[in-house]
Amino acid sequence: MCFAIPKKIRKVSGGFALTEDGKRVKTGNLKLTSSDFVRVYGNMVVEKIDKKEAMKIRRLIRVNMS
């Protein structure tokens, strides 16, 4: 099982997206826009998730990781 931290997309161009942390990832067949949240594994977007779910996961990680 893998664990993917949700990341916000800053820019999408030609099958690749730039995430908020500066990582360039492949988008596959997903239709993404800037401000979308995605789960990334390696250098590939695994899935697009809604903002509410992304924020929930981020809060849980912060609480449990500190």
PDB file of N, CA and C in Angstrom:
ATOM      1  N   MET A   1       0.841  -1.170   0.000  1.00  0.00           N
ATOM      2  CA  MET A   1       0.000   0.000   0.000  1.00  0.00           C
ATOM      3  C   MET A   1       0.890   1.238   0.000  1.00  0.00           C
ATOM      4  N   CYS A   2       0.493   2.222  -0.775  1.00  0.00           N
ATOM      5  CA  CYS A   2       1.272   3.465  -0.817  1.00  0.00           C
ATOM      6  C   CYS A   2       0.468   4.583  -0.165  1.00  0.00           C
ATOM      7  N   PHE A   3       1.170   5.612   0.218  1.00  0.00           N
ATOM      8  CA  PHE A   3       0.539   6.778   0.818  1.00  0.00           C
ATOM      9  C   PHE A   3       0.945   7.989   0.008  1.00  0.00           C
ATOM     10  N   ALA A   4      -0.022   8.688  -0.551  1.00  0.00           N
ATOM     11  CA  ALA A   4       0.263   9.858  -1.378  1.00  0.00           C
ATOM     12  C   ALA A   4      -0.300  11.108  -0.715  1.00  0.00           C
ATOM     13  N   ILE A   5       0.559  12.079  -0.479  1.00  0.00           N
ATOM     14  CA  ILE A   5       0.136  13.344   0.113  1.00  0.00           C
ATOM     15  C   ILE A   5      -0.492  14.205  -0.975  1.00  0.00           C
ATOM     16  N   PRO A   6      -1.675  14.759  -0.734  1.00  0.00           N
ATOM     17  CA  PRO A   6      -2.315  15.606  -1.733  1.00  0.00           C
ATOM     18  C   PRO A   6      -1.490  16.855  -2.020  1.00  0.00           C
ATOM     19  N   LYS A   7      -1.381  17.172  -3.295  1.00  0.00           N
ATOM     20  CA  LYS A   7      -0.637  18.362  -3.718  1.00  0.00           C
ATOM     21  C   LYS A   7      -1.516  19.205  -4.620  1.00  0.00           C
ATOM     22  N   LYS A   8      -1.313  20.509  -4.556  1.00  0.00           N
ATOM     23  CA  LYS A   8      -2.069  21.444  -5.381  1.00  0.00           C
ATOM     24  C   LYS A   8      -1.300  21.709  -6.676  1.00  0.00           C
ATOM     25  N   ILE A   9      -2.031  21.738  -7.779  1.00  0.00           N
ATOM     26  CA  ILE A   9      -1.435  22.013  -9.084  1.00  0.00           C
ATOM     27  C   ILE A   9      -1.304  23.519  -9.273  1.00  0.00           C
ATOM     28  N   ARG A  10      -0.128  23.950  -9.705  1.00  0.00           N
ATOM     29  CA  ARG A  10       0.094  25.369 -10.000  1.00  0.00           C
ATOM     30  C   ARG A  10      -0.054  25.661 -11.479  1.00  0.00           C
ATOM     31  N   LYS A  11       0.394  24.720 -12.335  1.00  0.00           N
ATOM     32  CA  LYS A  11       0.384  24.963 -13.776  1.00  0.00           C
ATOM     33  C   LYS A  11       0.317  23.636 -14.515  1.00  0.00           C
ATOM     34  N   VAL A  12      -0.412  23.604 -15.637  1.00  0.00           N
ATOM     35  CA  VAL A  12      -0.524  22.405 -16.464  1.00  0.00           C
ATOM     36  C   VAL A  12      -0.090  22.763 -17.882  1.00  0.00           C
ATOM     37  N   SER A  13       0.757  21.898 -18.465  1.00  0.00           N
ATOM     38  CA  SER A  13       1.235  22.164 -19.820  1.00  0.00           C
ATOM     39  C   SER A  13       1.728  20.878 -20.461  1.00  0.00           C
ATOM     40  N   GLY A  14       1.152  20.536 -21.612  1.00  0.00           N
ATOM     41  CA  GLY A  14       1.634  19.427 -22.427  1.00  0.00           C
ATOM     42  C   GLY A  14       1.790  18.087 -21.735  1.00  0.00           C
ATOM     43  N   GLY A  15       0.799  17.639 -21.008  1.00  0.00           N
ATOM     44  CA  GLY A  15       0.867  16.329 -20.371  1.00  0.00           C
ATOM     45  C   GLY A  15       1.629  16.305 -19.065  1.00  0.00           C
ATOM     46  N   PHE A  16       2.049  17.465 -18.598  1.00  0.00           N
ATOM     47  CA  PHE A  16       2.758  17.577 -17.325  1.00  0.00           C
ATOM     48  C   PHE A  16       2.120  18.668 -16.478  1.00  0.00           C
ATOM     49  N   ALA A  17       2.304  18.552 -15.178  1.00  0.00           N
ATOM     50  CA  ALA A  17       1.805  19.571 -14.251  1.00  0.00           C
ATOM     51  C   ALA A  17       2.914  19.934 -13.279  1.00  0.00           C
ATOM     52  N   LEU A  18       2.892  21.167 -12.836  1.00  0.00           N
ATOM     53  CA  LEU A  18       3.831  21.644 -11.826  1.00  0.00           C
ATOM     54  C   LEU A  18       3.058  21.746 -10.521  1.00  0.00           C
ATOM     55  N   THR A  19       3.539  21.057  -9.481  1.00  0.00           N
ATOM     56  CA  THR A  19       2.848  21.079  -8.193  1.00  0.00           C
ATOM     57  C   THR A  19       3.341  22.239  -7.337  1.00  0.00           C
ATOM     58  N   GLU A  20       2.637  22.491  -6.257  1.00  0.00           N
ATOM     59  CA  GLU A  20       2.962  23.609  -5.377  1.00  0.00           C
ATOM     60  C   GLU A  20       4.368  23.524  -4.782  1.00  0.00           C
ATOM     61  N   ASP A  21       4.917  22.320  -4.691  1.00  0.00           N
ATOM     62  CA  ASP A  21       6.270  22.170  -4.148  1.00  0.00           C
ATOM     63  C   ASP A  21       7.340  22.163  -5.240  1.00  0.00           C
ATOM     64  N   GLY A  22       6.940  22.482  -6.484  1.00  0.00           N
ATOM     65  CA  GLY A  22       7.896  22.614  -7.582  1.00  0.00           C
ATOM     66  C   GLY A  22       8.194  21.333  -8.338  1.00  0.00           C
ATOM     67  N   LYS A  23       7.492  20.261  -8.036  1.00  0.00           N
ATOM     68  CA  LYS A  23       7.721  18.981  -8.701  1.00  0.00           C
ATOM     69  C   LYS A  23       6.960  18.923 -10.025  1.00  0.00           C
ATOM     70  N   ARG A  24       7.608  18.430 -11.067  1.00  0.00           N
ATOM     71  CA  ARG A  24       6.985  18.262 -12.384  1.00  0.00           C
ATOM     72  C   ARG A  24       6.515  16.814 -12.491  1.00  0.00           C
ATOM     73  N   VAL A  25       5.205  16.636 -12.703  1.00  0.00           N
ATOM     74  CA  VAL A  25       4.614  15.292 -12.721  1.00  0.00           C
ATOM     75  C   VAL A  25       3.817  15.066 -13.999  1.00  0.00           C
ATOM     76  N   LYS A  26       3.738  13.799 -14.423  1.00  0.00           N
ATOM     77  CA  LYS A  26       2.945  13.424 -15.595  1.00  0.00           C
ATOM     78  C   LYS A  26       1.474  13.397 -15.203  1.00  0.00           C
ATOM     79  N   THR A  27       0.617  13.903 -16.091  1.00  0.00           N
ATOM     80  CA  THR A  27      -0.807  13.963 -15.789  1.00  0.00           C
ATOM     81  C   THR A  27      -1.583  12.785 -16.346  1.00  0.00           C
ATOM     82  N   GLY A  28      -0.992  12.012 -17.240  1.00  0.00           N
ATOM     83  CA  GLY A  28      -1.715  10.900 -17.845  1.00  0.00           C
ATOM     84  C   GLY A  28      -2.878  11.414 -18.667  1.00  0.00           C
ATOM     85  N   ASN A  29      -4.035  10.776 -18.556  1.00  0.00           N
ATOM     86  CA  ASN A  29      -5.225  11.185 -19.306  1.00  0.00           C
ATOM     87  C   ASN A  29      -6.142  12.105 -18.517  1.00  0.00           C
ATOM     88  N   LEU A  30      -5.710  12.545 -17.349  1.00  0.00           N
ATOM     89  CA  LEU A  30      -6.558  13.390 -16.510  1.00  0.00           C
ATOM     90  C   LEU A  30      -6.629  14.817 -17.042  1.00  0.00           C
ATOM     91  N   LYS A  31      -7.799  15.391 -16.967  1.00  0.00           N
ATOM     92  CA  LYS A  31      -7.997  16.796 -17.328  1.00  0.00           C
ATOM     93  C   LYS A  31      -7.827  17.616 -16.057  1.00  0.00           C
ATOM     94  N   LEU A  32      -6.707  18.314 -15.953  1.00  0.00           N
ATOM     95  CA  LEU A  32      -6.397  19.085 -14.754  1.00  0.00           C
ATOM     96  C   LEU A  32      -6.265  20.563 -15.079  1.00  0.00           C
ATOM     97  N   THR A  33      -6.548  21.388 -14.078  1.00  0.00           N
ATOM     98  CA  THR A  33      -6.334  22.827 -14.189  1.00  0.00           C
ATOM     99  C   THR A  33      -5.562  23.282 -12.960  1.00  0.00           C
ATOM    100  N   SER A  34      -5.026  24.490 -13.029  1.00  0.00           N
ATOM    101  CA  SER A  34      -4.346  25.008 -11.847  1.00  0.00           C
ATOM    102  C   SER A  34      -5.372  25.124 -10.727  1.00  0.00           C
ATOM    103  N   SER A  35      -4.948  24.896  -9.539  1.00  0.00           N
ATOM    104  CA  SER A  35      -5.733  24.887  -8.298  1.00  0.00           C
ATOM    105  C   SER A  35      -6.438  23.555  -8.018  1.00  0.00           C
ATOM    106  N   ASP A  36      -6.343  22.568  -8.926  1.00  0.00           N
ATOM    107  CA  ASP A  36      -6.838  21.229  -8.634  1.00  0.00           C
ATOM    108  C   ASP A  36      -5.917  20.566  -7.617  1.00  0.00           C
ATOM    109  N   PHE A  37      -6.453  19.622  -6.856  1.00  0.00           N
ATOM    110  CA  PHE A  37      -5.647  18.832  -5.934  1.00  0.00           C
ATOM    111  C   PHE A  37      -5.541  17.413  -6.473  1.00  0.00           C
ATOM    112  N   VAL A  38      -4.348  16.850  -6.362  1.00  0.00           N
ATOM    113  CA  VAL A  38      -4.098  15.516  -6.886  1.00  0.00           C
ATOM    114  C   VAL A  38      -3.276  14.709  -5.893  1.00  0.00           C
ATOM    115  N   ARG A  39      -3.315  13.394  -6.068  1.00  0.00           N
ATOM    116  CA  ARG A  39      -2.408  12.502  -5.338  1.00  0.00           C
ATOM    117  C   ARG A  39      -1.348  12.076  -6.333  1.00  0.00           C
ATOM    118  N   VAL A  40      -0.093  12.153  -5.898  1.00  0.00           N
ATOM    119  CA  VAL A  40       1.044  11.853  -6.768  1.00  0.00           C
ATOM    120  C   VAL A  40       1.822  10.683  -6.194  1.00  0.00           C
ATOM    121  N   TYR A  41       2.204   9.768  -7.053  1.00  0.00           N
ATOM    122  CA  TYR A  41       3.078   8.664  -6.660  1.00  0.00           C
ATOM    123  C   TYR A  41       4.248   8.671  -7.632  1.00  0.00           C
ATOM    124  N   GLY A  42       5.456   8.817  -7.102  1.00  0.00           N
ATOM    125  CA  GLY A  42       6.631   8.949  -7.967  1.00  0.00           C
ATOM    126  C   GLY A  42       6.530  10.254  -8.739  1.00  0.00           C
ATOM    127  N   ASN A  43       6.494  10.149 -10.054  1.00  0.00           N
ATOM    128  CA  ASN A  43       6.355  11.357 -10.874  1.00  0.00           C
ATOM    129  C   ASN A  43       5.063  11.325 -11.694  1.00  0.00           C
ATOM    130  N   MET A  44       4.052  10.587 -11.200  1.00  0.00           N
ATOM    131  CA  MET A  44       2.793  10.421 -11.934  1.00  0.00           C
ATOM    132  C   MET A  44       1.600  10.769 -11.049  1.00  0.00           C
ATOM    133  N   VAL A  45       0.651  11.522 -11.608  1.00  0.00           N
ATOM    134  CA  VAL A  45      -0.585  11.808 -10.896  1.00  0.00           C
ATOM    135  C   VAL A  45      -1.410  10.525 -10.849  1.00  0.00           C
ATOM    136  N   VAL A  46      -1.800  10.120  -9.657  1.00  0.00           N
ATOM    137  CA  VAL A  46      -2.582   8.905  -9.472  1.00  0.00           C
ATOM    138  C   VAL A  46      -4.065   9.210  -9.612  1.00  0.00           C
ATOM    139  N   GLU A  47      -4.507  10.292  -8.983  1.00  0.00           N
ATOM    140  CA  GLU A  47      -5.910  10.671  -9.079  1.00  0.00           C
ATOM    141  C   GLU A  47      -6.112  12.124  -8.687  1.00  0.00           C
ATOM    142  N   LYS A  48      -7.192  12.676  -9.179  1.00  0.00           N
ATOM    143  CA  LYS A  48      -7.617  14.020  -8.807  1.00  0.00           C
ATOM    144  C   LYS A  48      -8.586  13.872  -7.637  1.00  0.00           C
ATOM    145  N   ILE A  49      -8.423  14.725  -6.615  1.00  0.00           N
ATOM    146  CA  ILE A  49      -9.336  14.678  -5.468  1.00  0.00           C
ATOM    147  C   ILE A  49      -9.872  16.078  -5.198  1.00  0.00           C
ATOM    148  N   ASP A  50     -11.009  16.139  -4.515  1.00  0.00           N
ATOM    149  CA  ASP A  50     -11.578  17.462  -4.250  1.00  0.00           C
ATOM    150  C   ASP A  50     -10.826  18.143  -3.106  1.00  0.00           C
ATOM    151  N   LYS A  51     -10.946  19.453  -3.069  1.00  0.00           N
ATOM    152  CA  LYS A  51     -10.199  20.268  -2.113  1.00  0.00           C
ATOM    153  C   LYS A  51     -10.530  19.894  -0.671  1.00  0.00           C
ATOM    154  N   LYS A  52     -11.792  19.636  -0.393  1.00  0.00           N
ATOM    155  CA  LYS A  52     -12.200  19.300   0.975  1.00  0.00           C
ATOM    156  C   LYS A  52     -11.486  18.046   1.472  1.00  0.00           C
ATOM    157  N   GLU A  53     -11.437  17.015   0.642  1.00  0.00           N
ATOM    158  CA  GLU A  53     -10.751  15.768   1.002  1.00  0.00           C
ATOM    159  C   GLU A  53      -9.246  15.995   1.164  1.00  0.00           C
ATOM    160  N   ALA A  54      -8.663  16.797   0.262  1.00  0.00           N
ATOM    161  CA  ALA A  54      -7.232  17.092   0.332  1.00  0.00           C
ATOM    162  C   ALA A  54      -6.871  17.798   1.637  1.00  0.00           C
ATOM    163  N   MET A  55      -7.670  18.775   2.020  1.00  0.00           N
ATOM    164  CA  MET A  55      -7.403  19.513   3.258  1.00  0.00           C
ATOM    165  C   MET A  55      -7.573  18.617   4.481  1.00  0.00           C
ATOM    166  N   LYS A  56      -8.545  17.729   4.435  1.00  0.00           N
ATOM    167  CA  LYS A  56      -8.762  16.793   5.547  1.00  0.00           C
ATOM    168  C   LYS A  56      -7.540  15.898   5.743  1.00  0.00           C
ATOM    169  N   ILE A  57      -7.014  15.354   4.656  1.00  0.00           N
ATOM    170  CA  ILE A  57      -5.834  14.491   4.723  1.00  0.00           C
ATOM    171  C   ILE A  57      -4.628  15.264   5.247  1.00  0.00           C
ATOM    172  N   ARG A  58      -4.440  16.483   4.741  1.00  0.00           N
ATOM    173  CA  ARG A  58      -3.309  17.307   5.198  1.00  0.00           C
ATOM    174  C   ARG A  58      -3.400  17.594   6.692  1.00  0.00           C
ATOM    175  N   ARG A  59      -4.598  17.904   7.178  1.00  0.00           N
ATOM    176  CA  ARG A  59      -4.760  18.154   8.627  1.00  0.00           C
ATOM    177  C   ARG A  59      -4.419  16.918   9.439  1.00  0.00           C
ATOM    178  N   LEU A  60      -4.876  15.750   8.997  1.00  0.00           N
ATOM    179  CA  LEU A  60      -4.586  14.517   9.716  1.00  0.00           C
ATOM    180  C   LEU A  60      -3.086  14.231   9.750  1.00  0.00           C
ATOM    181  N   ILE A  61      -2.416  14.472   8.665  1.00  0.00           N
ATOM    182  CA  ILE A  61      -0.973  14.230   8.610  1.00  0.00           C
ATOM    183  C   ILE A  61      -0.240  15.154   9.583  1.00  0.00           C
ATOM    184  N   ARG A  62      -0.601  16.432   9.595  1.00  0.00           N
ATOM    185  CA  ARG A  62       0.038  17.383  10.480  1.00  0.00           C
ATOM    186  C   ARG A  62      -0.150  17.018  11.939  1.00  0.00           C
ATOM    187  N   VAL A  63      -1.339  16.626  12.307  1.00  0.00           N
ATOM    188  CA  VAL A  63      -1.631  16.265  13.697  1.00  0.00           C
ATOM    189  C   VAL A  63      -0.864  15.017  14.103  1.00  0.00           C
ATOM    190  N   ASN A  64      -0.855  14.018  13.254  1.00  0.00           N
ATOM    191  CA  ASN A  64      -0.234  12.729  13.596  1.00  0.00           C
ATOM    192  C   ASN A  64       1.266  12.690  13.377  1.00  0.00           C
ATOM    193  N   MET A  65       1.809  13.610  12.617  1.00  0.00           N
ATOM    194  CA  MET A  65       3.247  13.592  12.329  1.00  0.00           C
ATOM    195  C   MET A  65       4.032  14.439  13.312  1.00  0.00           C
ATOM    196  N   SER A  66       3.368  15.305  14.087  1.00  0.00           N
ATOM    197  CA  SER A  66       4.118  16.193  14.969  1.00  0.00           C
ATOM    198  C   SER A  66       4.412  15.598  16.321  1.00  0.00           C
TER     199      SER A  66
END
